[in-house]
Amino acid sequence: MSRRDIFTDVAAILHPIPQPSGPGDEDYEGFLEWRHQVAEEQRQAEENLRLAWEEGDQDPLIGALAGARRAKEEAEQQIRELLAYGREFVQPRPYTLGDLAAAAGMSISGVRTAYGHRDVDAVAEATGGKPREWRAPDPDDGKASA
């Protein structure tokens, strides 16, 4: 039995080894290669966590949590921009609020308020597209800047 420590444990959480979901799953093409690839990612993550600790005194758990938080914030920004794209850029008719809400795991009212003008502007910049004429009012409009 191998000795476990915080580096191997955090790496195992970040890169869990795929397990077969039923009998015979290990036999399907690519499963063993996938497991091997994830095991290598896990080993590399453990090595990187150890190096960060040794060279910069970065705690492996705190560093992993901070990285996960950054990934979550980036995913939330991506969701806002995708919602803005679906409502403001798709022609001739935007996606329905219901379809977007179901795909994003949100309520219809949540989709309505999920994105703002900055998100629409970011989509326009990324795609070169032009949003449709009507745009929701910007909650920041009319506020005095400090």
C-alpha atoms as a PDB file:
ATOM      1  CA  MET A   1       0.000   0.000   0.000  1.00  0.00           C
ATOM      2  CA  SER A   2       1.404   3.359  -0.981  1.00  0.00           C
ATOM      3  CA  ARG A   3       1.794   6.155   1.507  1.00  0.00           C
ATOM      4  CA  ARG A   4      -0.744   8.933   0.935  1.00  0.00           C
ATOM      5  CA  ASP A   5      -0.200  12.574   1.684  1.00  0.00           C
ATOM      6  CA  ILE A   6      -1.888  15.884   0.920  1.00  0.00           C
ATOM      7  CA  PHE A   7      -0.171  16.137  -2.493  1.00  0.00           C
ATOM      8  CA  THR A   8      -1.390  12.746  -3.731  1.00  0.00           C
ATOM      9  CA  ASP A   9      -4.822  13.251  -2.167  1.00  0.00           C
ATOM     10  CA  VAL A  10      -5.402  16.672  -3.749  1.00  0.00           C
ATOM     11  CA  ALA A  11      -4.137  15.357  -7.111  1.00  0.00           C
ATOM     12  CA  ALA A  12      -6.568  12.415  -6.819  1.00  0.00           C
ATOM     13  CA  ILE A  13      -9.453  14.812  -6.141  1.00  0.00           C
ATOM     14  CA  LEU A  14      -8.482  17.066  -9.072  1.00  0.00           C
ATOM     15  CA  HIS A  15      -7.999  14.121 -11.466  1.00  0.00           C
ATOM     16  CA  PRO A  16     -10.111  11.136 -10.344  1.00  0.00           C
ATOM     17  CA  ILE A  17      -9.290   7.879 -12.109  1.00  0.00           C
ATOM     18  CA  PRO A  18     -12.302   6.787 -14.207  1.00  0.00           C
ATOM     19  CA  GLN A  19     -14.040   3.681 -12.914  1.00  0.00           C
ATOM     20  CA  PRO A  20     -16.054   1.273 -15.049  1.00  0.00           C
ATOM     21  CA  SER A  21     -19.780   1.934 -14.721  1.00  0.00           C
ATOM     22  CA  GLY A  22     -20.699  -1.706 -15.257  1.00  0.00           C
ATOM     23  CA  PRO A  23     -19.423  -5.160 -16.151  1.00  0.00           C
ATOM     24  CA  GLY A  24     -17.388  -5.209 -19.323  1.00  0.00           C
ATOM     25  CA  ASP A  25     -16.884  -1.434 -19.468  1.00  0.00           C
ATOM     26  CA  GLU A  26     -13.128  -1.852 -19.112  1.00  0.00           C
ATOM     27  CA  ASP A  27     -13.172  -3.753 -22.404  1.00  0.00           C
ATOM     28  CA  TYR A  28     -14.579  -0.986 -24.549  1.00  0.00           C
ATOM     29  CA  GLU A  29     -12.157   0.674 -26.914  1.00  0.00           C
ATOM     30  CA  GLY A  30     -10.298   3.563 -25.357  1.00  0.00           C
ATOM     31  CA  PHE A  31     -11.306   3.044 -21.712  1.00  0.00           C
ATOM     32  CA  LEU A  32      -7.903   1.759 -20.598  1.00  0.00           C
ATOM     33  CA  GLU A  33      -6.155   4.502 -22.560  1.00  0.00           C
ATOM     34  CA  TRP A  34      -8.420   7.079 -20.917  1.00  0.00           C
ATOM     35  CA  ARG A  35      -7.613   5.676 -17.459  1.00  0.00           C
ATOM     36  CA  HIS A  36      -3.904   5.763 -18.286  1.00  0.00           C
ATOM     37  CA  GLN A  37      -4.150   9.377 -19.474  1.00  0.00           C
ATOM     38  CA  VAL A  38      -5.960  10.505 -16.312  1.00  0.00           C
ATOM     39  CA  ALA A  39      -3.449   8.624 -14.126  1.00  0.00           C
ATOM     40  CA  GLU A  40      -0.661  10.533 -15.878  1.00  0.00           C
ATOM     41  CA  GLU A  41      -2.509  13.834 -15.334  1.00  0.00           C
ATOM     42  CA  GLN A  42      -2.871  12.890 -11.662  1.00  0.00           C
ATOM     43  CA  ARG A  43       0.851  12.103 -11.367  1.00  0.00           C
ATOM     44  CA  GLN A  44       1.774  15.395 -13.063  1.00  0.00           C
ATOM     45  CA  ALA A  45      -0.593  17.357 -10.808  1.00  0.00           C
ATOM     46  CA  GLU A  46       0.974  15.746  -7.729  1.00  0.00           C
ATOM     47  CA  GLU A  47       4.434  16.688  -8.975  1.00  0.00           C
ATOM     48  CA  ASN A  48       3.326  20.279  -9.677  1.00  0.00           C
ATOM     49  CA  LEU A  49       1.762  20.585  -6.222  1.00  0.00           C
ATOM     50  CA  ARG A  50       4.980  19.367  -4.596  1.00  0.00           C
ATOM     51  CA  LEU A  51       7.093  21.789  -6.634  1.00  0.00           C
ATOM     52  CA  ALA A  52       4.809  24.714  -5.790  1.00  0.00           C
ATOM     53  CA  TRP A  53       5.143  23.832  -2.106  1.00  0.00           C
ATOM     54  CA  GLU A  54       8.908  23.374  -2.201  1.00  0.00           C
ATOM     55  CA  GLU A  55       9.706  26.402  -4.347  1.00  0.00           C
ATOM     56  CA  GLY A  56       7.074  28.906  -3.324  1.00  0.00           C
ATOM     57  CA  ASP A  57       5.549  27.679  -0.116  1.00  0.00           C
ATOM     58  CA  GLN A  58       2.110  27.394  -1.766  1.00  0.00           C
ATOM     59  CA  ASP A  59      -0.148  25.136   0.253  1.00  0.00           C
ATOM     60  CA  PRO A  60      -1.476  22.409  -2.088  1.00  0.00           C
ATOM     61  CA  LEU A  61      -5.049  22.505  -0.797  1.00  0.00           C
ATOM     62  CA  ILE A  62      -5.309  26.313  -0.697  1.00  0.00           C
ATOM     63  CA  GLY A  63      -3.765  26.543  -4.170  1.00  0.00           C
ATOM     64  CA  ALA A  64      -6.172  23.925  -5.557  1.00  0.00           C
ATOM     65  CA  LEU A  65      -9.162  25.697  -4.011  1.00  0.00           C
ATOM     66  CA  ALA A  66      -8.048  29.048  -5.454  1.00  0.00           C
ATOM     67  CA  GLY A  67      -7.634  27.415  -8.870  1.00  0.00           C
ATOM     68  CA  ALA A  68     -11.075  25.829  -8.663  1.00  0.00           C
ATOM     69  CA  ARG A  69     -12.587  29.191  -7.704  1.00  0.00           C
ATOM     70  CA  ARG A  70     -10.922  30.848 -10.729  1.00  0.00           C
ATOM     71  CA  ALA A  71     -12.247  28.073 -12.997  1.00  0.00           C
ATOM     72  CA  LYS A  72     -15.744  28.551 -11.538  1.00  0.00           C
ATOM     73  CA  GLU A  73     -15.619  32.318 -12.126  1.00  0.00           C
ATOM     74  CA  GLU A  74     -14.437  31.756 -15.714  1.00  0.00           C
ATOM     75  CA  ALA A  75     -17.231  29.213 -16.291  1.00  0.00           C
ATOM     76  CA  GLU A  76     -19.816  31.645 -14.890  1.00  0.00           C
ATOM     77  CA  GLN A  77     -18.518  34.375 -17.226  1.00  0.00           C
ATOM     78  CA  GLN A  78     -18.695  31.952 -20.153  1.00  0.00           C
ATOM     79  CA  ILE A  79     -22.295  31.079 -19.256  1.00  0.00           C
ATOM     80  CA  ARG A  80     -23.251  34.778 -19.143  1.00  0.00           C
ATOM     81  CA  GLU A  81     -21.671  35.355 -22.549  1.00  0.00           C
ATOM     82  CA  LEU A  82     -23.320  32.262 -24.072  1.00  0.00           C
ATOM     83  CA  LEU A  83     -26.702  33.399 -22.736  1.00  0.00           C
ATOM     84  CA  ALA A  84     -26.099  36.867 -24.141  1.00  0.00           C
ATOM     85  CA  TYR A  85     -25.188  35.327 -27.491  1.00  0.00           C
ATOM     86  CA  GLY A  86     -28.302  33.149 -27.544  1.00  0.00           C
ATOM     87  CA  ARG A  87     -30.617  36.055 -26.708  1.00  0.00           C
ATOM     88  CA  GLU A  88     -28.951  39.030 -28.381  1.00  0.00           C
ATOM     89  CA  PHE A  89     -27.066  37.741 -31.432  1.00  0.00           C
ATOM     90  CA  VAL A  90     -28.894  34.739 -32.903  1.00  0.00           C
ATOM     91  CA  GLN A  91     -31.006  35.779 -35.893  1.00  0.00           C
ATOM     92  CA  PRO A  92     -33.744  35.865 -36.984  1.00  0.00           C
ATOM     93  CA  ARG A  93     -35.122  34.869 -33.569  1.00  0.00           C
ATOM     94  CA  PRO A  94     -33.238  34.458 -30.318  1.00  0.00           C
ATOM     95  CA  TYR A  95     -33.252  31.195 -28.383  1.00  0.00           C
ATOM     96  CA  THR A  96     -36.174  30.925 -26.001  1.00  0.00           C
ATOM     97  CA  LEU A  97     -35.646  31.759 -22.363  1.00  0.00           C
ATOM     98  CA  GLY A  98     -36.965  28.286 -21.496  1.00  0.00           C
ATOM     99  CA  ASP A  99     -34.432  26.455 -23.667  1.00  0.00           C
ATOM    100  CA  LEU A 100     -31.544  28.546 -22.355  1.00  0.00           C
ATOM    101  CA  ALA A 101     -32.733  28.171 -18.763  1.00  0.00           C
ATOM    102  CA  ALA A 102     -32.924  24.387 -19.071  1.00  0.00           C
ATOM    103  CA  ALA A 103     -29.466  24.145 -20.633  1.00  0.00           C
ATOM    104  CA  ALA A 104     -27.881  26.480 -18.060  1.00  0.00           C
ATOM    105  CA  GLY A 105     -29.679  24.978 -15.054  1.00  0.00           C
ATOM    106  CA  MET A 106     -31.329  28.305 -14.305  1.00  0.00           C
ATOM    107  CA  SER A 107     -34.822  29.707 -14.026  1.00  0.00           C
ATOM    108  CA  ILE A 108     -36.287  31.736 -16.868  1.00  0.00           C
ATOM    109  CA  SER A 109     -36.130  34.876 -14.754  1.00  0.00           C
ATOM    110  CA  GLY A 110     -32.518  34.004 -13.919  1.00  0.00           C
ATOM    111  CA  VAL A 111     -31.642  33.949 -17.614  1.00  0.00           C
ATOM    112  CA  ARG A 112     -33.327  37.336 -18.099  1.00  0.00           C
ATOM    113  CA  THR A 113     -31.045  38.938 -15.525  1.00  0.00           C
ATOM    114  CA  ALA A 114     -27.920  36.778 -15.898  1.00  0.00           C
ATOM    115  CA  TYR A 115     -26.096  38.946 -18.414  1.00  0.00           C
ATOM    116  CA  GLY A 116     -25.640  42.638 -18.968  1.00  0.00           C
ATOM    117  CA  HIS A 117     -24.279  45.095 -21.471  1.00  0.00           C
ATOM    118  CA  ARG A 118     -20.662  44.234 -20.649  1.00  0.00           C
ATOM    119  CA  ASP A 119     -21.358  40.594 -21.508  1.00  0.00           C
ATOM    120  CA  VAL A 120     -23.061  41.596 -24.766  1.00  0.00           C
ATOM    121  CA  ASP A 121     -20.096  43.828 -25.593  1.00  0.00           C
ATOM    122  CA  ALA A 122     -17.683  40.955 -24.850  1.00  0.00           C
ATOM    123  CA  VAL A 123     -19.615  38.675 -27.235  1.00  0.00           C
ATOM    124  CA  ALA A 124     -19.601  41.355 -29.942  1.00  0.00           C
ATOM    125  CA  GLU A 125     -15.844  41.745 -29.492  1.00  0.00           C
ATOM    126  CA  ALA A 126     -15.214  37.980 -29.572  1.00  0.00           C
ATOM    127  CA  THR A 127     -17.456  37.181 -32.534  1.00  0.00           C
ATOM    128  CA  GLY A 128     -17.455  40.387 -34.547  1.00  0.00           C
ATOM    129  CA  GLY A 129     -21.244  40.089 -34.518  1.00  0.00           C
ATOM    130  CA  LYS A 130     -23.771  42.826 -33.962  1.00  0.00           C
ATOM    131  CA  PRO A 131     -26.425  42.386 -31.277  1.00  0.00           C
ATOM    132  CA  ARG A 132     -30.051  42.741 -32.200  1.00  0.00           C
ATOM    133  CA  GLU A 133     -31.539  46.211 -31.826  1.00  0.00           C
ATOM    134  CA  TRP A 134     -33.419  45.681 -28.578  1.00  0.00           C
ATOM    135  CA  ARG A 135     -31.219  45.262 -25.510  1.00  0.00           C
ATOM    136  CA  ALA A 136     -32.204  44.966 -21.891  1.00  0.00           C
ATOM    137  CA  PRO A 137     -31.597  48.117 -19.850  1.00  0.00           C
ATOM    138  CA  ASP A 138     -28.195  48.203 -18.218  1.00  0.00           C
ATOM    139  CA  PRO A 139     -28.544  48.266 -14.427  1.00  0.00           C
ATOM    140  CA  ASP A 140     -25.358  50.382 -14.310  1.00  0.00           C
ATOM    141  CA  ASP A 141     -26.914  53.085 -16.528  1.00  0.00           C
ATOM    142  CA  GLY A 142     -27.943  56.095 -14.514  1.00  0.00           C
ATOM    143  CA  LYS A 143     -25.694  55.287 -11.577  1.00  0.00           C
ATOM    144  CA  ALA A 144     -23.156  57.919 -10.690  1.00  0.00           C
ATOM    145  CA  SER A 145     -19.608  56.691 -10.927  1.00  0.00           C
ATOM    146  CA  ALA A 146     -17.569  57.038  -7.795  1.00  0.00           C
END
